Amino acid sequence: MEEEVLITAQENKTDYSNLRQATNRIKAELRQVIVGQETLIELLLVAMLAEGHVLIEGVPGIAKTLTAKLLARTVQVDFSRIQFTPDLMPSDVLGTSVFHPGTITFDYKRGPIFANIVLIDEINRAPAKTQASLFEVMEEQHVTHDGKVYQLASPFVVLATQNPIEQEGTYRLPEAQLDRFMFKVLVEYPSLEEEIAILELQHNGEKLKRDLDCVQPVLSADELIALREAVQQVHLDKKLLEYIAQIVGETRTNKSLYLGASPRASIALLNSSKAFAALRGRGFVTPEDVQELAPVVLRHRILLTPEREMEGLTADDVIKQIIQKIEVPR
C-alpha cells in the first residue's frame, strides 16, 4: 500500500505549500496572544479546512474562548459571538419577524447565527428548544422562517465551548446536536513550562494581550474556500476507506458501547483526515492520520454501557481498543 500511496502522491499535482504557509501564518498570529494550546489550534484549523464544526470542552480559564475568537480574527469574514444562557430563546439565535406599522408588513431580522464563523460560548447553558434551533443551520447551512428559506454564506463554521465540571444551570446536549460537530476537543491545563511562560509575561509587566487588534487577518473568505477545495484533492486509498468504515462500524457492535457512531462520523473522519494530511504538506492520507483523529471524531458520538462507566472506562479507552483490534492496512 505504501508504494501505491507514493505513486498516487506523485500523480497528485496539487501544491499544498500555499496551504501550509497560510496555516503557519495563522499560527504565528495566534502565538502573539496564546501560550501553548498547539493541539487545539491545529484541530481548529483542520476542522475549518474540512468544513466542520468544533465542540471545545475544558475548565474555565484555559483560553478556549480566546483561542476561538482569535482564530476567527485571522480570517477576513463575518464573526459573531453568542453567549448561551438558560433564558435564551431560538429567536435570539436565528432571528425574528419585526412589524412595521407604516407598511403593515413583517420583515425578517436575521439573528447572530448569520455569520461565517460563529462562537457559541457555554453552549450547554441553553435549554432544549434553543439547542434544537441549531440542528437545521449546522447541518444544512440555512434557516427556515415563516416558510421561507434563508441561506447562510460560505464558509460557515460553529465553534462552541462548554465546561465539563460545573453542572448548575446546564443542560446535556442532545445526541442529534453532538453528531453535527465534526470534533470534540478536550482542552487540558497548560504544561508547567507553558504556565511559567505565562507568569513570566505577567511578572515582567508584559500583560497578556487581550486586544484583538494585534491579530491581523491572514485569509479572505475566497482564499479559505480555495484551500478547502485543495483539501478535497488529497488522495485516500480505497483500503483506507474500508479502514475508516471498519473503525466506525465496530462502535456499533462493541459490547462496551450502548450507542455507536453514525455514517456522519465516517464522513467526518474521511474529510478531516484529508485536511490533516494537507496541513502537513502531503497529498495522501496515511493510517496514522486516521488513528490520530479517530478520538476527536468519535468520543462525543458514542455512549458507554452503564457497566463500563461504573468500571471507570472512558470513550477514549474504547476507541483505543477498537483501533488496536482492527488490522492496519498496508
Protein backbone atom coordinates (compact mmCIF):
# COMPACT_ATOMS: atom_id res chain seq x y z
CA MET A 1 0.00 0.00 0.00
CA GLU A 2 2.87 2.38 0.75
CA GLU A 3 4.16 2.04 -2.82
CA GLU A 4 0.66 2.73 -4.16
CA VAL A 5 0.37 5.83 -1.98
CA LEU A 6 3.73 7.16 -3.17
CA ILE A 7 2.82 6.63 -6.82
CA THR A 8 -0.53 8.37 -6.34
CA ALA A 9 1.12 11.22 -4.46
CA GLN A 10 3.45 11.78 -7.41
CA GLU A 11 0.47 11.84 -9.74
CA ASN A 12 -1.33 14.34 -7.48
CA LYS A 13 -0.07 17.70 -8.74
CA THR A 14 -1.86 19.79 -6.14
CA ASP A 15 0.63 22.03 -4.35
CA TYR A 16 -0.02 22.21 -0.62
CA SER A 17 2.78 24.65 0.13
CA ASN A 18 0.35 27.59 -0.04
CA LEU A 19 -1.93 25.85 2.43
CA ARG A 20 0.93 25.21 4.85
CA GLN A 21 2.16 28.78 4.52
CA ALA A 22 -1.32 30.13 5.23
CA THR A 23 -1.84 27.94 8.30
CA ASN A 24 1.65 28.76 9.59
CA ARG A 25 0.83 32.46 9.29
CA ILE A 26 -2.38 31.87 11.24
CA LYS A 27 -0.44 30.06 13.97
CA ALA A 28 2.08 32.90 14.11
CA GLU A 29 -0.71 35.43 14.60
CA LEU A 30 -2.29 33.36 17.38
CA ARG A 31 1.06 32.93 19.17
CA GLN A 32 1.14 36.69 19.74
CA VAL A 33 -1.52 36.12 22.38
CA ILE A 34 -1.88 32.39 23.07
CA VAL A 35 0.75 30.48 25.04
CA GLY A 36 0.62 26.77 24.22
CA GLN A 37 -2.65 25.10 23.10
CA GLU A 38 -0.92 23.75 19.98
CA THR A 39 -3.24 20.75 19.69
CA LEU A 40 -6.38 22.87 19.98
CA ILE A 41 -5.15 25.32 17.35
CA GLU A 42 -4.20 22.56 14.92
CA LEU A 43 -7.52 20.75 15.29
CA LEU A 44 -9.44 24.00 14.81
CA LEU A 45 -7.52 24.57 11.57
CA VAL A 46 -8.23 21.01 10.41
CA ALA A 47 -11.95 21.41 11.08
CA MET A 48 -12.05 24.75 9.31
CA LEU A 49 -10.38 23.23 6.23
CA ALA A 50 -12.68 20.20 6.36
CA GLU A 51 -15.85 22.31 6.68
CA GLY A 52 -16.66 21.03 10.15
CA HIS A 53 -17.92 22.43 13.45
CA VAL A 54 -16.00 22.02 16.72
CA LEU A 55 -17.10 21.49 20.31
CA ILE A 56 -14.37 22.65 22.71
CA GLU A 57 -14.58 21.27 26.24
CA GLY A 58 -12.45 22.35 29.16
CA VAL A 59 -12.44 24.01 32.56
CA PRO A 60 -12.64 27.82 32.79
CA GLY A 61 -9.56 29.96 32.33
CA ILE A 62 -7.60 27.91 29.77
CA ALA A 63 -8.18 30.20 26.75
CA LYS A 64 -10.92 28.19 24.98
CA THR A 65 -12.98 31.24 24.05
CA LEU A 66 -9.97 33.45 23.43
CA THR A 67 -8.40 30.95 21.01
CA ALA A 68 -11.65 30.61 19.06
CA LYS A 69 -12.08 34.40 18.88
CA LEU A 70 -8.54 34.92 17.66
CA LEU A 71 -8.83 32.18 15.06
CA ALA A 72 -11.89 33.95 13.65
CA ARG A 73 -9.85 37.14 13.62
CA THR A 74 -7.27 35.60 11.27
CA VAL A 75 -9.88 35.07 8.56
CA GLN A 76 -11.43 38.15 6.96
CA VAL A 77 -15.05 37.06 7.36
CA ASP A 78 -18.12 37.97 9.41
CA PHE A 79 -17.85 36.84 13.01
CA SER A 80 -20.42 36.71 15.78
CA ARG A 81 -20.40 35.53 19.37
CA ILE A 82 -23.46 34.18 21.18
CA GLN A 83 -23.44 33.73 24.94
CA PHE A 84 -25.82 30.88 25.69
CA THR A 85 -27.91 31.32 28.85
CA PRO A 86 -30.91 29.45 30.33
CA ASP A 87 -33.33 32.18 29.18
CA LEU A 88 -32.02 32.33 25.60
CA MET A 89 -34.76 31.80 23.00
CA PRO A 90 -34.44 30.35 19.47
CA SER A 91 -35.30 33.77 18.03
CA ASP A 92 -32.29 35.22 19.87
CA VAL A 93 -30.12 32.93 17.74
CA LEU A 94 -31.92 32.63 14.41
CA GLY A 95 -33.70 35.97 14.21
CA THR A 96 -37.30 37.12 14.34
CA SER A 97 -40.02 38.96 12.42
CA VAL A 98 -40.25 42.72 13.01
CA PHE A 99 -43.56 44.51 12.40
CA HIS A 100 -43.55 47.84 10.55
CA PRO A 101 -46.74 49.81 11.36
CA GLY A 102 -46.28 52.18 8.42
CA THR A 103 -46.39 49.47 5.78
CA ILE A 104 -48.29 46.90 7.90
CA THR A 105 -45.69 44.30 7.00
CA PHE A 106 -43.27 41.99 8.75
CA ASP A 107 -39.57 41.91 7.93
CA TYR A 108 -37.20 39.15 8.95
CA LYS A 109 -34.40 40.44 11.15
CA ARG A 110 -31.56 37.95 10.95
CA GLY A 111 -30.02 36.69 14.15
CA PRO A 112 -26.33 36.38 15.09
CA ILE A 113 -26.13 32.90 13.57
CA PHE A 114 -25.87 34.64 10.18
CA ALA A 115 -22.10 34.94 10.18
CA ASN A 116 -19.24 32.96 8.67
CA ILE A 117 -17.66 32.00 11.99
CA VAL A 118 -19.96 31.76 14.99
CA LEU A 119 -18.61 31.34 18.52
CA ILE A 120 -21.17 29.91 20.94
CA ASP A 121 -19.95 30.35 24.49
CA GLU A 122 -21.09 27.77 27.06
CA ILE A 123 -23.39 26.01 24.64
CA ASN A 124 -24.71 23.65 27.32
CA ARG A 125 -26.36 26.50 29.26
CA ALA A 126 -29.29 26.88 26.84
CA PRO A 127 -32.46 24.74 27.10
CA ALA A 128 -33.54 22.05 24.62
CA LYS A 129 -35.66 24.30 22.39
CA THR A 130 -32.75 26.67 21.81
CA GLN A 131 -30.38 23.76 21.16
CA ALA A 132 -32.87 22.37 18.63
CA SER A 133 -32.80 25.66 16.73
CA LEU A 134 -29.21 24.86 15.74
CA PHE A 135 -29.97 21.49 14.12
CA GLU A 136 -31.01 22.80 10.71
CA VAL A 137 -28.45 25.57 10.43
CA MET A 138 -25.47 23.41 11.47
CA GLU A 139 -26.29 20.62 9.04
CA GLU A 140 -27.89 22.39 6.07
CA GLN A 141 -26.46 25.90 6.47
CA HIS A 142 -29.81 27.62 6.11
CA VAL A 143 -32.62 28.88 8.32
CA THR A 144 -36.32 28.35 7.65
CA HIS A 145 -38.51 31.18 8.98
CA ASP A 146 -42.22 31.57 8.24
CA GLY A 147 -41.91 29.06 5.44
CA LYS A 148 -39.06 30.88 3.71
CA VAL A 149 -35.51 29.55 3.49
CA TYR A 150 -32.60 31.90 4.19
CA GLN A 151 -29.22 30.59 3.06
CA LEU A 152 -26.07 31.30 5.07
CA ALA A 153 -22.95 32.50 3.30
CA SER A 154 -19.98 30.19 2.90
CA PRO A 155 -17.76 29.47 4.74
CA PHE A 156 -19.84 28.67 7.82
CA VAL A 157 -18.23 27.26 10.98
CA VAL A 158 -19.63 26.91 14.50
CA LEU A 159 -17.12 26.87 17.37
CA ALA A 160 -18.78 26.04 20.69
CA THR A 161 -17.34 25.86 24.20
CA GLN A 162 -18.58 24.08 27.30
CA ASN A 163 -17.43 23.45 30.85
CA PRO A 164 -17.46 19.73 31.80
CA ILE A 165 -17.32 20.29 35.55
CA GLU A 166 -19.95 22.85 36.50
CA GLN A 167 -23.45 21.33 36.17
CA GLU A 168 -25.54 24.04 37.84
CA GLY A 169 -27.78 25.68 35.23
CA THR A 170 -26.57 23.48 32.38
CA TYR A 171 -28.32 21.09 30.00
CA ARG A 172 -26.94 17.99 28.37
CA LEU A 173 -26.55 18.42 24.62
CA PRO A 174 -28.85 16.11 22.63
CA GLU A 175 -27.20 13.33 20.63
CA ALA A 176 -28.55 14.79 17.36
CA GLN A 177 -26.67 18.00 18.04
CA LEU A 178 -23.47 16.34 19.19
CA ASP A 179 -23.43 14.37 15.96
CA ARG A 180 -23.32 17.61 13.99
CA PHE A 181 -19.96 18.55 15.48
CA MET A 182 -17.04 17.16 13.50
CA PHE A 183 -14.72 17.27 16.53
CA LYS A 184 -14.98 17.31 20.27
CA VAL A 185 -11.68 18.68 21.54
CA LEU A 186 -10.73 18.24 25.20
CA VAL A 187 -8.56 21.14 26.30
CA GLU A 188 -6.11 20.41 29.10
CA TYR A 189 -4.35 22.66 31.56
CA PRO A 190 -1.11 24.22 30.29
CA SER A 191 2.12 22.37 30.95
CA LEU A 192 4.46 23.56 33.70
CA GLU A 193 6.73 25.25 31.14
CA GLU A 194 3.78 26.99 29.47
CA GLU A 195 2.39 28.23 32.77
CA ILE A 196 5.82 29.55 33.74
CA ALA A 197 5.93 31.42 30.42
CA ILE A 198 2.52 32.94 31.18
CA LEU A 199 3.68 34.01 34.63
CA GLU A 200 6.91 35.49 33.27
CA LEU A 201 4.93 37.68 30.89
CA GLN A 202 2.87 38.98 33.80
CA HIS A 203 5.85 39.36 36.13
CA ASN A 204 7.84 41.34 33.57
CA GLY A 205 5.00 43.77 33.06
CA GLU A 206 4.12 42.41 29.63
CA LYS A 207 0.47 41.63 30.33
CA LEU A 208 -1.14 39.01 28.14
CA LYS A 209 -2.55 40.79 25.13
CA ARG A 210 -6.32 40.88 25.11
CA ASP A 211 -6.60 43.46 22.34
CA LEU A 212 -7.64 41.58 19.23
CA ASP A 213 -6.22 44.35 17.04
CA CYS A 214 -2.77 42.79 17.40
CA VAL A 215 -4.01 39.74 15.46
CA GLN A 216 -4.40 40.51 11.77
CA PRO A 217 -6.41 38.68 9.07
CA VAL A 218 -4.38 36.19 7.05
CA LEU A 219 -7.03 34.76 4.73
CA SER A 220 -10.08 36.06 2.91
CA ALA A 221 -13.28 34.04 2.59
CA ASP A 222 -12.45 33.20 -1.05
CA GLU A 223 -8.95 32.07 -0.11
CA LEU A 224 -10.33 29.80 2.61
CA ILE A 225 -12.80 28.28 0.16
CA ALA A 226 -9.94 27.69 -2.31
CA LEU A 227 -7.93 25.91 0.39
CA ARG A 228 -10.95 23.75 1.17
CA GLU A 229 -11.17 22.79 -2.49
CA ALA A 230 -7.48 21.86 -2.47
CA VAL A 231 -8.08 19.62 0.54
CA GLN A 232 -10.67 17.68 -1.44
CA GLN A 233 -7.92 16.69 -3.91
CA VAL A 234 -5.97 14.80 -1.23
CA HIS A 235 -5.74 11.13 -2.18
CA LEU A 236 -7.21 8.48 0.11
CA ASP A 237 -6.67 4.84 -0.84
CA LYS A 238 -9.67 2.51 -1.02
CA LYS A 239 -8.11 0.36 1.72
CA LEU A 240 -8.21 3.40 4.00
CA LEU A 241 -11.87 3.96 3.13
CA GLU A 242 -12.51 0.42 4.30
CA TYR A 243 -10.36 1.06 7.41
CA ILE A 244 -12.46 4.10 8.35
CA ALA A 245 -15.68 2.15 7.81
CA GLN A 246 -14.39 -0.72 9.96
CA ILE A 247 -13.45 1.59 12.84
CA VAL A 248 -16.83 3.33 12.83
CA GLY A 249 -18.69 0.06 12.25
CA GLU A 250 -17.00 -1.53 15.25
CA THR A 251 -18.51 1.14 17.52
CA ARG A 252 -21.96 -0.23 16.63
CA THR A 253 -21.19 -3.81 17.66
CA ASN A 254 -18.75 -3.23 20.53
CA LYS A 255 -20.09 -4.73 23.77
CA SER A 256 -18.76 -1.81 25.80
CA LEU A 257 -20.94 0.67 23.92
CA TYR A 258 -24.65 1.37 24.21
CA LEU A 259 -24.66 3.74 21.20
CA GLY A 260 -22.34 3.61 18.20
CA ALA A 261 -21.34 6.29 15.70
CA SER A 262 -23.41 7.20 12.64
CA PRO A 263 -22.29 7.37 8.99
CA ARG A 264 -21.82 11.10 9.60
CA ALA A 265 -18.86 10.09 11.76
CA SER A 266 -17.33 8.14 8.87
CA ILE A 267 -17.66 11.16 6.60
CA ALA A 268 -16.17 13.42 9.28
CA LEU A 269 -13.20 11.07 9.73
CA LEU A 270 -12.70 10.92 5.96
CA ASN A 271 -12.78 14.68 5.39
CA SER A 272 -10.76 15.59 8.47
CA SER A 273 -8.06 13.03 7.60
CA LYS A 274 -7.63 14.67 4.21
CA ALA A 275 -7.35 18.12 5.80
CA PHE A 276 -4.93 16.74 8.40
CA ALA A 277 -2.68 15.33 5.66
CA ALA A 278 -2.79 18.58 3.64
CA LEU A 279 -1.89 20.55 6.76
CA ARG A 280 1.31 18.50 6.87
CA GLY A 281 2.03 19.16 3.21
CA ARG A 282 1.07 15.69 1.99
CA GLY A 283 -1.19 14.83 -0.92
CA PHE A 284 -2.21 11.50 0.57
CA VAL A 285 -3.72 10.15 3.80
CA THR A 286 -1.95 7.57 5.96
CA PRO A 287 -3.42 5.17 8.53
CA GLU A 288 -1.71 7.23 11.23
CA ASP A 289 -3.79 10.27 10.21
CA VAL A 290 -6.99 8.28 10.70
CA GLN A 291 -5.81 6.87 14.04
CA GLU A 292 -4.82 10.29 15.39
CA LEU A 293 -8.16 11.88 14.52
CA ALA A 294 -10.44 8.98 15.49
CA PRO A 295 -10.77 10.02 19.18
CA VAL A 296 -11.81 13.63 18.46
CA VAL A 297 -14.26 12.47 15.79
CA LEU A 298 -15.84 9.62 17.78
CA ARG A 299 -15.69 10.44 21.51
CA HIS A 300 -18.87 12.55 21.51
CA ARG A 301 -20.79 10.20 19.23
CA ILE A 302 -20.64 7.04 21.34
CA LEU A 303 -22.18 6.11 24.68
CA LEU A 304 -20.74 3.57 27.09
CA THR A 305 -22.89 0.95 28.74
CA PRO A 306 -23.64 1.62 32.43
CA GLU A 307 -21.47 -1.34 33.42
CA ARG A 308 -18.41 0.05 31.62
CA GLU A 309 -18.98 3.51 33.06
CA MET A 310 -19.05 2.05 36.57
CA GLU A 311 -15.73 0.36 35.84
CA GLY A 312 -14.23 3.76 35.07
CA LEU A 313 -13.83 3.17 31.34
CA THR A 314 -13.92 6.24 29.06
CA ALA A 315 -14.96 6.74 25.46
CA ASP A 316 -11.32 7.31 24.51
CA ASP A 317 -10.36 3.99 26.13
CA VAL A 318 -12.88 2.13 23.96
CA ILE A 319 -11.77 3.96 20.82
CA LYS A 320 -8.16 3.00 21.56
CA GLN A 321 -9.21 -0.64 21.98
CA ILE A 322 -11.06 -0.55 18.66
CA ILE A 323 -8.06 0.89 16.82
CA GLN A 324 -5.79 -1.76 18.33
CA LYS A 325 -8.23 -4.51 17.34
CA ILE A 326 -8.61 -3.61 13.65
CA GLU A 327 -5.80 -4.55 11.28
CA VAL A 328 -3.98 -1.55 9.86
CA PRO A 329 -3.95 -1.51 6.04
CA ARG A 330 -0.50 -1.71 4.43
